[in-house]
C-alpha atoms as a PDB file:
ATOM      1  CA  MET A   1      84.478  77.851  63.934  1.00  0.00           C
ATOM      2  CA  ARG A   2      86.492  80.102  66.205  1.00  0.00           C
ATOM      3  CA  VAL A   3      85.552  79.668  69.847  1.00  0.00           C
ATOM      4  CA  THR A   4      86.897  81.533  72.849  1.00  0.00           C
ATOM      5  CA  ILE A   5      86.822  80.021  76.336  1.00  0.00           C
ATOM      6  CA  ALA A   6      87.716  82.352  79.182  1.00  0.00           C
ATOM      7  CA  ALA A   7      88.969  81.389  82.595  1.00  0.00           C
ATOM      8  CA  GLY A   8      89.557  84.960  83.613  1.00  0.00           C
ATOM      9  CA  ALA A   9      88.364  88.008  81.792  1.00  0.00           C
ATOM     10  CA  THR A  10      88.812  91.487  83.194  1.00  0.00           C
ATOM     11  CA  LEU A  11      86.061  93.999  83.959  1.00  0.00           C
ATOM     12  CA  TRP A  12      83.103  92.940  81.786  1.00  0.00           C
ATOM     13  CA  LEU A  13      85.447  92.326  78.870  1.00  0.00           C
ATOM     14  CA  CYS A  14      88.791  93.093  80.416  1.00  0.00           C
ATOM     15  CA  MET A  15      91.042  93.016  77.396  1.00  0.00           C
ATOM     16  CA  ILE A  16      94.513  92.464  78.726  1.00  0.00           C
ATOM     17  CA  GLY A  17      96.927  94.630  76.806  1.00  0.00           C
ATOM     18  CA  ALA A  18     100.200  94.603  78.725  1.00  0.00           C
ATOM     19  CA  ALA A  19     102.341  91.519  78.957  1.00  0.00           C
ATOM     20  CA  ALA A  20     105.169  93.200  80.795  1.00  0.00           C
ATOM     21  CA  ALA A  21     105.281  92.912  84.554  1.00  0.00           C
ATOM     22  CA  ALA A  22     105.180  96.108  86.567  1.00  0.00           C
ATOM     23  CA  SER A  23     108.448  97.151  88.104  1.00  0.00           C
ATOM     24  CA  THR A  24     108.439  97.133  91.866  1.00  0.00           C
ATOM     25  CA  ALA A  25     109.840  99.721  94.183  1.00  0.00           C
ATOM     26  CA  GLN A  26     111.079  97.171  96.747  1.00  0.00           C
ATOM     27  CA  PRO A  27     111.776  93.443  97.190  1.00  0.00           C
ATOM     28  CA  LEU A  28     108.601  91.397  97.550  1.00  0.00           C
ATOM     29  CA  THR A  29     107.620  89.957 100.896  1.00  0.00           C
ATOM     30  CA  ALA A  30     105.908  86.570 101.049  1.00  0.00           C
ATOM     31  CA  GLU A  31     102.558  88.377 101.235  1.00  0.00           C
ATOM     32  CA  ALA A  32     103.351  90.501  98.188  1.00  0.00           C
ATOM     33  CA  GLN A  33     104.567  87.445  96.259  1.00  0.00           C
ATOM     34  CA  ARG A  34     101.211  85.777  96.871  1.00  0.00           C
ATOM     35  CA  GLY A  35      99.540  89.048  95.902  1.00  0.00           C
ATOM     36  CA  ALA A  36     101.461  89.146  92.626  1.00  0.00           C
ATOM     37  CA  TYR A  37     100.013  85.745  91.750  1.00  0.00           C
ATOM     38  CA  LEU A  38      96.529  86.907  92.700  1.00  0.00           C
ATOM     39  CA  ALA A  39      96.945  89.985  90.477  1.00  0.00           C
ATOM     40  CA  LYS A  40      97.604  87.634  87.562  1.00  0.00           C
ATOM     41  CA  ALA A  41      94.571  85.534  88.476  1.00  0.00           C
ATOM     42  CA  GLY A  42      92.489  88.707  88.497  1.00  0.00           C
ATOM     43  CA  GLY A  43      93.878  90.084  85.236  1.00  0.00           C
ATOM     44  CA  CYS A  44      94.513  93.421  86.923  1.00  0.00           C
ATOM     45  CA  VAL A  45      97.205  94.535  84.493  1.00  0.00           C
ATOM     46  CA  GLY A  46      94.819  94.422  81.538  1.00  0.00           C
ATOM     47  CA  CYS A  47      92.167  96.847  82.672  1.00  0.00           C
ATOM     48  CA  HIS A  48      94.658  99.147  84.344  1.00  0.00           C
ATOM     49  CA  THR A  49      97.180  99.481  81.504  1.00  0.00           C
ATOM     50  CA  GLU A  50      96.692 101.637  78.440  1.00  0.00           C
ATOM     51  CA  GLU A  51      96.485  99.717  75.158  1.00  0.00           C
ATOM     52  CA  ARG A  52      99.589 101.022  73.420  1.00  0.00           C
ATOM     53  CA  GLU A  53     103.168  99.952  73.011  1.00  0.00           C
ATOM     54  CA  GLY A  54     105.341 100.989  75.926  1.00  0.00           C
ATOM     55  CA  ALA A  55     102.437 101.719  78.281  1.00  0.00           C
ATOM     56  CA  THR A  56     103.307 101.484  81.966  1.00  0.00           C
ATOM     57  CA  PRO A  57     101.523  98.577  83.676  1.00  0.00           C
ATOM     58  CA  TYR A  58      98.892  99.547  86.247  1.00  0.00           C
ATOM     59  CA  ALA A  59      99.083 103.273  85.401  1.00  0.00           C
ATOM     60  CA  GLY A  60      95.561 103.233  83.929  1.00  0.00           C
ATOM     61  CA  GLY A  61      94.051 104.359  80.651  1.00  0.00           C
ATOM     62  CA  ARG A  62      92.675 101.141  79.172  1.00  0.00           C
ATOM     63  CA  ALA A  63      89.412 101.807  77.337  1.00  0.00           C
ATOM     64  CA  LEU A  64      86.479  99.439  77.883  1.00  0.00           C
ATOM     65  CA  ARG A  65      83.764 100.098  75.313  1.00  0.00           C
ATOM     66  CA  THR A  66      80.274  98.987  76.348  1.00  0.00           C
ATOM     67  CA  PRO A  67      76.671  99.734  75.342  1.00  0.00           C
ATOM     68  CA  PHE A  68      76.625 102.321  78.137  1.00  0.00           C
ATOM     69  CA  GLY A  69      79.672 104.211  76.905  1.00  0.00           C
ATOM     70  CA  THR A  70      83.423 103.935  77.345  1.00  0.00           C
ATOM     71  CA  PHE A  71      85.036 103.313  80.713  1.00  0.00           C
ATOM     72  CA  TYR A  72      88.724 103.944  81.368  1.00  0.00           C
ATOM     73  CA  GLY A  73      90.722 101.883  83.827  1.00  0.00           C
ATOM     74  CA  PRO A  74      92.242 104.000  86.605  1.00  0.00           C
ATOM     75  CA  ASN A  75      95.810 104.325  87.807  1.00  0.00           C
ATOM     76  CA  ILE A  76      96.332 101.841  90.658  1.00  0.00           C
ATOM     77  CA  THR A  77     100.021 102.491  91.274  1.00  0.00           C
ATOM     78  CA  PRO A  78     100.918 103.927  94.716  1.00  0.00           C
ATOM     79  CA  ASP A  79     101.275 107.473  93.422  1.00  0.00           C
ATOM     80  CA  PRO A  80      99.650 109.651  96.117  1.00  0.00           C
ATOM     81  CA  ASP A  81      98.272 112.258  93.719  1.00  0.00           C
ATOM     82  CA  THR A  82      96.989 110.298  90.717  1.00  0.00           C
ATOM     83  CA  GLY A  83      97.001 106.685  91.935  1.00  0.00           C
ATOM     84  CA  ILE A  84      96.012 104.947  95.146  1.00  0.00           C
ATOM     85  CA  GLY A  85      98.991 105.979  97.235  1.00  0.00           C
ATOM     86  CA  HIS A  86      96.768 107.874  99.651  1.00  0.00           C
ATOM     87  CA  TRP A  87      94.524 104.858 100.240  1.00  0.00           C
ATOM     88  CA  LYS A  88      94.513 102.725 103.358  1.00  0.00           C
ATOM     89  CA  GLU A  89      94.101  98.962 103.167  1.00  0.00           C
ATOM     90  CA  ALA A  90      90.539  99.386 104.474  1.00  0.00           C
ATOM     91  CA  ASP A  91      89.796 101.611 101.470  1.00  0.00           C
ATOM     92  CA  PHE A  92      91.017  98.884  99.125  1.00  0.00           C
ATOM     93  CA  VAL A  93      88.911  96.232 100.846  1.00  0.00           C
ATOM     94  CA  GLU A  94      85.858  98.501 100.698  1.00  0.00           C
ATOM     95  CA  ALA A  95      86.386  99.001  96.967  1.00  0.00           C
ATOM     96  CA  MET A  96      86.801  95.299  96.263  1.00  0.00           C
ATOM     97  CA  ARG A  97      84.138  94.050  98.641  1.00  0.00           C
ATOM     98  CA  HIS A  98      81.460  96.742  98.316  1.00  0.00           C
ATOM     99  CA  GLY A  99      82.311  98.771  95.216  1.00  0.00           C
ATOM    100  CA  LYS A 100      82.819 102.062  97.025  1.00  0.00           C
ATOM    101  CA  ARG A 101      85.463 104.754  96.695  1.00  0.00           C
ATOM    102  CA  PRO A 102      87.257 106.161  99.747  1.00  0.00           C
ATOM    103  CA  ASP A 103      84.892 109.156  99.602  1.00  0.00           C
ATOM    104  CA  GLY A 104      81.890 106.806  99.832  1.00  0.00           C
ATOM    105  CA  ALA A 105      80.731 107.192  96.220  1.00  0.00           C
ATOM    106  CA  HIS A 106      79.775 104.106  94.248  1.00  0.00           C
ATOM    107  CA  TYR A 107      82.008 102.615  91.593  1.00  0.00           C
ATOM    108  CA  PHE A 108      80.391 101.781  88.285  1.00  0.00           C
ATOM    109  CA  PRO A 109      80.094  97.995  87.917  1.00  0.00           C
ATOM    110  CA  ALA A 110      82.472  98.044  84.951  1.00  0.00           C
ATOM    111  CA  PHE A 111      84.868  97.582  87.865  1.00  0.00           C
ATOM    112  CA  PRO A 112      83.881  93.959  88.620  1.00  0.00           C
ATOM    113  CA  TYR A 113      83.443  94.226  92.370  1.00  0.00           C
ATOM    114  CA  THR A 114      80.361  92.067  91.825  1.00  0.00           C
ATOM    115  CA  SER A 115      82.889  89.214  91.511  1.00  0.00           C
ATOM    116  CA  PHE A 116      85.803  90.571  93.543  1.00  0.00           C
ATOM    117  CA  THR A 117      83.537  90.699  96.580  1.00  0.00           C
ATOM    118  CA  ARG A 118      83.979  86.906  96.794  1.00  0.00           C
ATOM    119  CA  ALA A 119      87.714  87.175  97.519  1.00  0.00           C
ATOM    120  CA  THR A 120      88.826  86.161 100.994  1.00  0.00           C
ATOM    121  CA  ASP A 121      90.138  88.706 103.456  1.00  0.00           C
ATOM    122  CA  GLY A 122      93.543  87.007 103.292  1.00  0.00           C
ATOM    123  CA  ASP A 123      93.725  87.251  99.508  1.00  0.00           C
ATOM    124  CA  LEU A 124      92.661  90.894  99.557  1.00  0.00           C
ATOM    125  CA  HIS A 125      95.373  91.606 102.124  1.00  0.00           C
ATOM    126  CA  ASP A 126      98.035  89.921  99.982  1.00  0.00           C
ATOM    127  CA  LEU A 127      96.849  91.649  96.820  1.00  0.00           C
ATOM    128  CA  TRP A 128      97.019  94.977  98.615  1.00  0.00           C
ATOM    129  CA  ALA A 129     100.539  94.155  99.809  1.00  0.00           C
ATOM    130  CA  TYR A 130     101.582  93.577  96.195  1.00  0.00           C
ATOM    131  CA  LEU A 131     100.000  96.751  94.850  1.00  0.00           C
ATOM    132  CA  ARG A 132     101.949  98.750  97.430  1.00  0.00           C
ATOM    133  CA  THR A 133     105.228  97.506  95.937  1.00  0.00           C
ATOM    134  CA  ILE A 134     104.548  98.751  92.390  1.00  0.00           C
ATOM    135  CA  GLN A 135     106.612 101.711  91.272  1.00  0.00           C
ATOM    136  CA  PRO A 136     104.443 104.859  91.632  1.00  0.00           C
ATOM    137  CA  VAL A 137     103.505 106.485  88.328  1.00  0.00           C
ATOM    138  CA  LYS A 138     102.033 109.961  88.017  1.00  0.00           C
ATOM    139  CA  ARG A 139      99.268 109.658  85.430  1.00  0.00           C
ATOM    140  CA  VAL A 140      95.952 111.459  85.795  1.00  0.00           C
ATOM    141  CA  ASN A 141      92.913 109.234  85.333  1.00  0.00           C
ATOM    142  CA  GLN A 142      90.806 109.729  82.239  1.00  0.00           C
ATOM    143  CA  GLN A 143      87.133 110.533  82.748  1.00  0.00           C
ATOM    144  CA  HIS A 144      84.605 107.953  81.604  1.00  0.00           C
ATOM    145  CA  ASP A 145      82.635 108.847  78.482  1.00  0.00           C
ATOM    146  CA  LEU A 146      79.145 107.510  79.220  1.00  0.00           C
ATOM    147  CA  ARG A 147      75.788 107.928  77.534  1.00  0.00           C
ATOM    148  CA  PHE A 148      73.014 109.760  79.349  1.00  0.00           C
ATOM    149  CA  PRO A 149      71.825 108.810  81.977  1.00  0.00           C
ATOM    150  CA  PHE A 150      74.401 106.080  82.697  1.00  0.00           C
ATOM    151  CA  GLY A 151      76.883 108.567  84.101  1.00  0.00           C
ATOM    152  CA  TRP A 152      74.703 109.198  87.153  1.00  0.00           C
ATOM    153  CA  ARG A 153      76.878 107.627  89.820  1.00  0.00           C
ATOM    154  CA  PHE A 154      74.279 108.029  92.552  1.00  0.00           C
ATOM    155  CA  ALA A 155      71.955 105.698  90.632  1.00  0.00           C
ATOM    156  CA  ILE A 156      74.419 102.841  91.088  1.00  0.00           C
ATOM    157  CA  GLY A 157      73.096 102.487  94.629  1.00  0.00           C
ATOM    158  CA  ILE A 158      69.752 101.411  93.170  1.00  0.00           C
ATOM    159  CA  TRP A 159      71.510  99.105  90.706  1.00  0.00           C
ATOM    160  CA  LYS A 160      73.395  97.467  93.563  1.00  0.00           C
ATOM    161  CA  ARG A 161      70.201  96.729  95.460  1.00  0.00           C
ATOM    162  CA  LEU A 162      68.890  94.929  92.383  1.00  0.00           C
ATOM    163  CA  TYR A 163      71.965  93.096  91.119  1.00  0.00           C
ATOM    164  CA  PHE A 164      74.764  93.065  93.698  1.00  0.00           C
ATOM    165  CA  ALA A 165      75.117  90.573  96.566  1.00  0.00           C
ATOM    166  CA  PRO A 166      78.311  91.392  98.493  1.00  0.00           C
ATOM    167  CA  GLY A 167      80.078  88.769 100.535  1.00  0.00           C
ATOM    168  CA  GLU A 168      83.037  86.423 100.707  1.00  0.00           C
ATOM    169  CA  PHE A 169      82.947  83.124  98.816  1.00  0.00           C
ATOM    170  CA  VAL A 170      81.383  80.243 100.753  1.00  0.00           C
ATOM    171  CA  PRO A 171      82.627  76.782  99.712  1.00  0.00           C
ATOM    172  CA  ALA A 172      80.001  74.180  98.859  1.00  0.00           C
ATOM    173  CA  PRO A 173      80.065  71.728 101.799  1.00  0.00           C
ATOM    174  CA  ASN A 174      79.750  68.578  99.678  1.00  0.00           C
ATOM    175  CA  ALA A 175      81.962  69.601  96.757  1.00  0.00           C
ATOM    176  CA  PRO A 176      85.529  68.288  96.324  1.00  0.00           C
ATOM    177  CA  GLN A 177      88.283  70.669  97.340  1.00  0.00           C
ATOM    178  CA  ASN A 178      89.464  71.276  93.771  1.00  0.00           C
ATOM    179  CA  VAL A 179      85.915  72.079  92.618  1.00  0.00           C
ATOM    180  CA  ASN A 180      85.591  74.643  95.405  1.00  0.00           C
ATOM    181  CA  ARG A 181      88.966  76.098  94.467  1.00  0.00           C
ATOM    182  CA  GLY A 182      87.846  76.395  90.851  1.00  0.00           C
ATOM    183  CA  ALA A 183      84.563  77.960  91.926  1.00  0.00           C
ATOM    184  CA  TYR A 184      86.454  80.486  94.017  1.00  0.00           C
ATOM    185  CA  LEU A 185      88.632  81.517  91.088  1.00  0.00           C
ATOM    186  CA  VAL A 186      85.854  81.586  88.488  1.00  0.00           C
ATOM    187  CA  GLN A 187      83.329  83.388  90.686  1.00  0.00           C
ATOM    188  CA  GLY A 188      85.822  85.640  92.433  1.00  0.00           C
ATOM    189  CA  LEU A 189      89.110  87.154  91.349  1.00  0.00           C
ATOM    190  CA  SER A 190      89.104  85.653  87.850  1.00  0.00           C
ATOM    191  CA  HIS A 191      85.510  86.933  87.414  1.00  0.00           C
ATOM    192  CA  CYS A 192      84.726  84.801  84.361  1.00  0.00           C
ATOM    193  CA  GLY A 193      81.010  85.480  84.664  1.00  0.00           C
ATOM    194  CA  GLU A 194      81.495  89.171  84.007  1.00  0.00           C
ATOM    195  CA  CYS A 195      81.928  88.290  80.333  1.00  0.00           C
ATOM    196  CA  HIS A 196      80.380  84.849  80.060  1.00  0.00           C
ATOM    197  CA  THR A 197      77.066  85.445  81.861  1.00  0.00           C
ATOM    198  CA  PRO A 198      74.328  87.165  79.827  1.00  0.00           C
ATOM    199  CA  ARG A 199      73.094  90.535  81.043  1.00  0.00           C
ATOM    200  CA  ASN A 200      69.798  92.353  80.907  1.00  0.00           C
ATOM    201  CA  PHE A 201      69.091  95.852  79.613  1.00  0.00           C
ATOM    202  CA  ALA A 202      70.429  97.386  82.832  1.00  0.00           C
ATOM    203  CA  GLY A 203      73.683  95.449  82.792  1.00  0.00           C
ATOM    204  CA  GLY A 204      72.639  93.069  85.549  1.00  0.00           C
ATOM    205  CA  SER A 205      73.525  89.389  85.303  1.00  0.00           C
ATOM    206  CA  VAL A 206      70.611  87.212  84.240  1.00  0.00           C
ATOM    207  CA  ARG A 207      69.750  84.935  87.145  1.00  0.00           C
ATOM    208  CA  GLY A 208      69.940  81.243  86.421  1.00  0.00           C
ATOM    209  CA  ARG A 209      72.121  81.760  83.339  1.00  0.00           C
ATOM    210  CA  ALA A 210      75.568  81.952  84.905  1.00  0.00           C
ATOM    211  CA  LEU A 211      78.365  81.247  82.402  1.00  0.00           C
ATOM    212  CA  ALA A 212      75.880  80.448  79.608  1.00  0.00           C
ATOM    213  CA  GLY A 213      77.598  82.870  77.237  1.00  0.00           C
ATOM    214  CA  GLY A 214      75.816  85.242  74.913  1.00  0.00           C
ATOM    215  CA  LYS A 215      76.727  88.767  73.861  1.00  0.00           C
ATOM    216  CA  GLY A 216      79.663  90.440  75.543  1.00  0.00           C
ATOM    217  CA  PRO A 217      79.875  94.117  76.520  1.00  0.00           C
ATOM    218  CA  ASP A 218      81.430  94.987  73.153  1.00  0.00           C
ATOM    219  CA  GLY A 219      78.571  93.316  71.301  1.00  0.00           C
ATOM    220  CA  LYS A 220      80.573  90.234  70.279  1.00  0.00           C
ATOM    221  CA  ARG A 221      79.529  86.692  71.108  1.00  0.00           C
ATOM    222  CA  VAL A 222      81.177  84.926  74.036  1.00  0.00           C
ATOM    223  CA  PRO A 223      80.859  81.158  74.479  1.00  0.00           C
ATOM    224  CA  ASN A 224      78.921  79.030  76.883  1.00  0.00           C
ATOM    225  CA  LEU A 225      81.264  77.685  79.599  1.00  0.00           C
ATOM    226  CA  THR A 226      78.892  75.075  81.022  1.00  0.00           C
ATOM    227  CA  PRO A 227      79.251  71.390  80.020  1.00  0.00           C
ATOM    228  CA  THR A 228      76.927  72.037  77.078  1.00  0.00           C
ATOM    229  CA  ARG A 229      79.859  73.583  75.254  1.00  0.00           C
ATOM    230  CA  LEU A 230      82.785  71.894  76.986  1.00  0.00           C
ATOM    231  CA  MET A 231      81.706  68.263  76.680  1.00  0.00           C
ATOM    232  CA  THR A 232      83.624  67.903  73.414  1.00  0.00           C
ATOM    233  CA  TRP A 233      86.864  69.117  75.015  1.00  0.00           C
ATOM    234  CA  SER A 234      89.069  66.863  77.131  1.00  0.00           C
ATOM    235  CA  ASP A 235      90.826  68.165  80.246  1.00  0.00           C
ATOM    236  CA  ALA A 236      94.088  68.053  78.297  1.00  0.00           C
ATOM    237  CA  ASP A 237      92.486  70.144  75.541  1.00  0.00           C
ATOM    238  CA  LEU A 238      91.439  72.771  78.053  1.00  0.00           C
ATOM    239  CA  GLN A 239      94.812  72.817  79.806  1.00  0.00           C
ATOM    240  CA  GLU A 240      96.514  73.328  76.442  1.00  0.00           C
ATOM    241  CA  PHE A 241      94.095  76.080  75.491  1.00  0.00           C
ATOM    242  CA  PHE A 242      94.634  77.904  78.767  1.00  0.00           C
ATOM    243  CA  VAL A 243      98.399  77.772  78.245  1.00  0.00           C
ATOM    244  CA  SER A 244      98.848  78.315  74.504  1.00  0.00           C
ATOM    245  CA  GLY A 245      95.455  79.205  73.034  1.00  0.00           C
ATOM    246  CA  ALA A 246      95.597  76.192  70.719  1.00  0.00           C
ATOM    247  CA  MET A 247      92.261  74.451  70.110  1.00  0.00           C
ATOM    248  CA  PRO A 248      91.582  70.769  69.335  1.00  0.00           C
ATOM    249  CA  ASP A 249      90.459  71.595  65.789  1.00  0.00           C
ATOM    250  CA  GLY A 250      93.696  73.442  65.040  1.00  0.00           C
ATOM    251  CA  ASP A 251      92.191  76.905  65.425  1.00  0.00           C
ATOM    252  CA  ALA A 252      93.413  79.413  68.006  1.00  0.00           C
ATOM    253  CA  ALA A 253      91.936  81.875  70.459  1.00  0.00           C
ATOM    254  CA  ASN A 254      90.900  85.260  69.122  1.00  0.00           C
ATOM    255  CA  LYS A 255      92.832  88.400  69.980  1.00  0.00           C
ATOM    256  CA  VAL A 256      90.983  89.212  73.203  1.00  0.00           C
ATOM    257  CA  MET A 257      91.205  85.718  74.636  1.00  0.00           C
ATOM    258  CA  ASP A 258      94.794  85.365  73.466  1.00  0.00           C
ATOM    259  CA  GLU A 259      95.695  88.305  75.684  1.00  0.00           C
ATOM    260  CA  VAL A 260      93.866  86.717  78.614  1.00  0.00           C
ATOM    261  CA  ILE A 261      95.722  83.460  78.050  1.00  0.00           C
ATOM    262  CA  ARG A 262      99.110  85.098  77.687  1.00  0.00           C
ATOM    263  CA  ASN A 263      98.783  87.278  80.771  1.00  0.00           C
ATOM    264  CA  THR A 264      96.446  85.340  83.047  1.00  0.00           C
ATOM    265  CA  THR A 265      95.531  81.705  82.521  1.00  0.00           C
ATOM    266  CA  SER A 266      98.988  80.639  81.343  1.00  0.00           C
ATOM    267  CA  GLN A 267     100.412  82.253  84.493  1.00  0.00           C
ATOM    268  CA  LEU A 268      98.273  80.146  86.830  1.00  0.00           C
ATOM    269  CA  THR A 269      99.574  76.915  88.286  1.00  0.00           C
ATOM    270  CA  ALA A 270      98.538  73.703  86.531  1.00  0.00           C
ATOM    271  CA  GLU A 271      96.644  72.826  89.718  1.00  0.00           C
ATOM    272  CA  ASP A 272      94.593  76.030  89.591  1.00  0.00           C
ATOM    273  CA  ARG A 273      93.847  75.545  85.904  1.00  0.00           C
ATOM    274  CA  GLN A 274      92.704  71.997  86.660  1.00  0.00           C
ATOM    275  CA  ALA A 275      90.536  73.296  89.512  1.00  0.00           C
ATOM    276  CA  ILE A 276      88.847  75.706  87.103  1.00  0.00           C
ATOM    277  CA  ILE A 277      88.228  72.833  84.693  1.00  0.00           C
ATOM    278  CA  ALA A 278      86.826  70.657  87.485  1.00  0.00           C
ATOM    279  CA  TYR A 279      84.427  73.404  88.512  1.00  0.00           C
ATOM    280  CA  LEU A 280      83.228  74.039  84.964  1.00  0.00           C
ATOM    281  CA  ARG A 281      82.673  70.290  84.532  1.00  0.00           C
ATOM    282  CA  ALA A 282      80.552  70.251  87.697  1.00  0.00           C
ATOM    283  CA  LEU A 283      78.150  72.943  86.490  1.00  0.00           C
ATOM    284  CA  ALA A 284      74.669  72.082  85.319  1.00  0.00           C
ATOM    285  CA  PRO A 285      74.531  72.188  81.492  1.00  0.00           C
ATOM    286  CA  LEU A 286      72.751  75.261  80.199  1.00  0.00           C
ATOM    287  CA  PRO A 287      71.603  75.852  76.617  1.00  0.00           C
ATOM    288  CA  ASP A 288      73.419  78.483  74.604  1.00  0.00           C
ATOM    289  CA  GLU A 289      72.073  81.995  74.877  1.00  0.00           C
ATOM    290  CA  PRO A 290      69.868  82.790  71.834  1.00  0.00           C
ATOM    291  CA  ARG A 291      71.464  85.035  69.268  1.00  0.00           C
END
């Protein structure tokens, strides 16, 4: 049976479509180099690159189809007219930490600020430094195509009060360092729960069912990432899967997860992949989500 195990999806089901790295307008500083790694950990290129051959990374246009309608990833190159070139770093932090645009309006939670809010100030600073080095691309953002009444942006404020808890990641005081590192990646920038945690009718994560799998935003099943599912996989099996997509039974990751592996998990250090594994091993086993 084909199984997909995600260490870093993008948006709710951020389907990474561009393997090419974005060209940069200038040599990378140490901060921007760290930010480039964090962009891979967050799968940014997938949701912000149109799904077609030759698409420019980070220039926007990727479609994310959900039960609420279709969202389109925006242009996050430093173009001042169609990208984020007019933003200040504080605007970027506000978007990532609180899900708000520079004009104060709420972002729809298809942008996974519900996870990105866990990123540290230092990591957000480095990620911002990297995004500023990308070659500006003039590409107007495509409007979301949402079902009524899900296009009411003002209503997201109510949704946030119900389902959004902003704040930086707090390490568990008694957990090993690598488990905390894995928790930081899974809960934060890599935002695995956006796909692998079941959601209710309003798109809010079901409390107490984190990473238990279920139905993804496109209606397809996503697997349980707690030890219930992973107990039959060795650490070496998981490392191999995160690098190549090969599974112990000889099967391979499906198309969506293959893109995540190629552009995200295979780009992480072996230490970060092992930290993710250690964290998933430390979770309480949860039963699979009913079909």
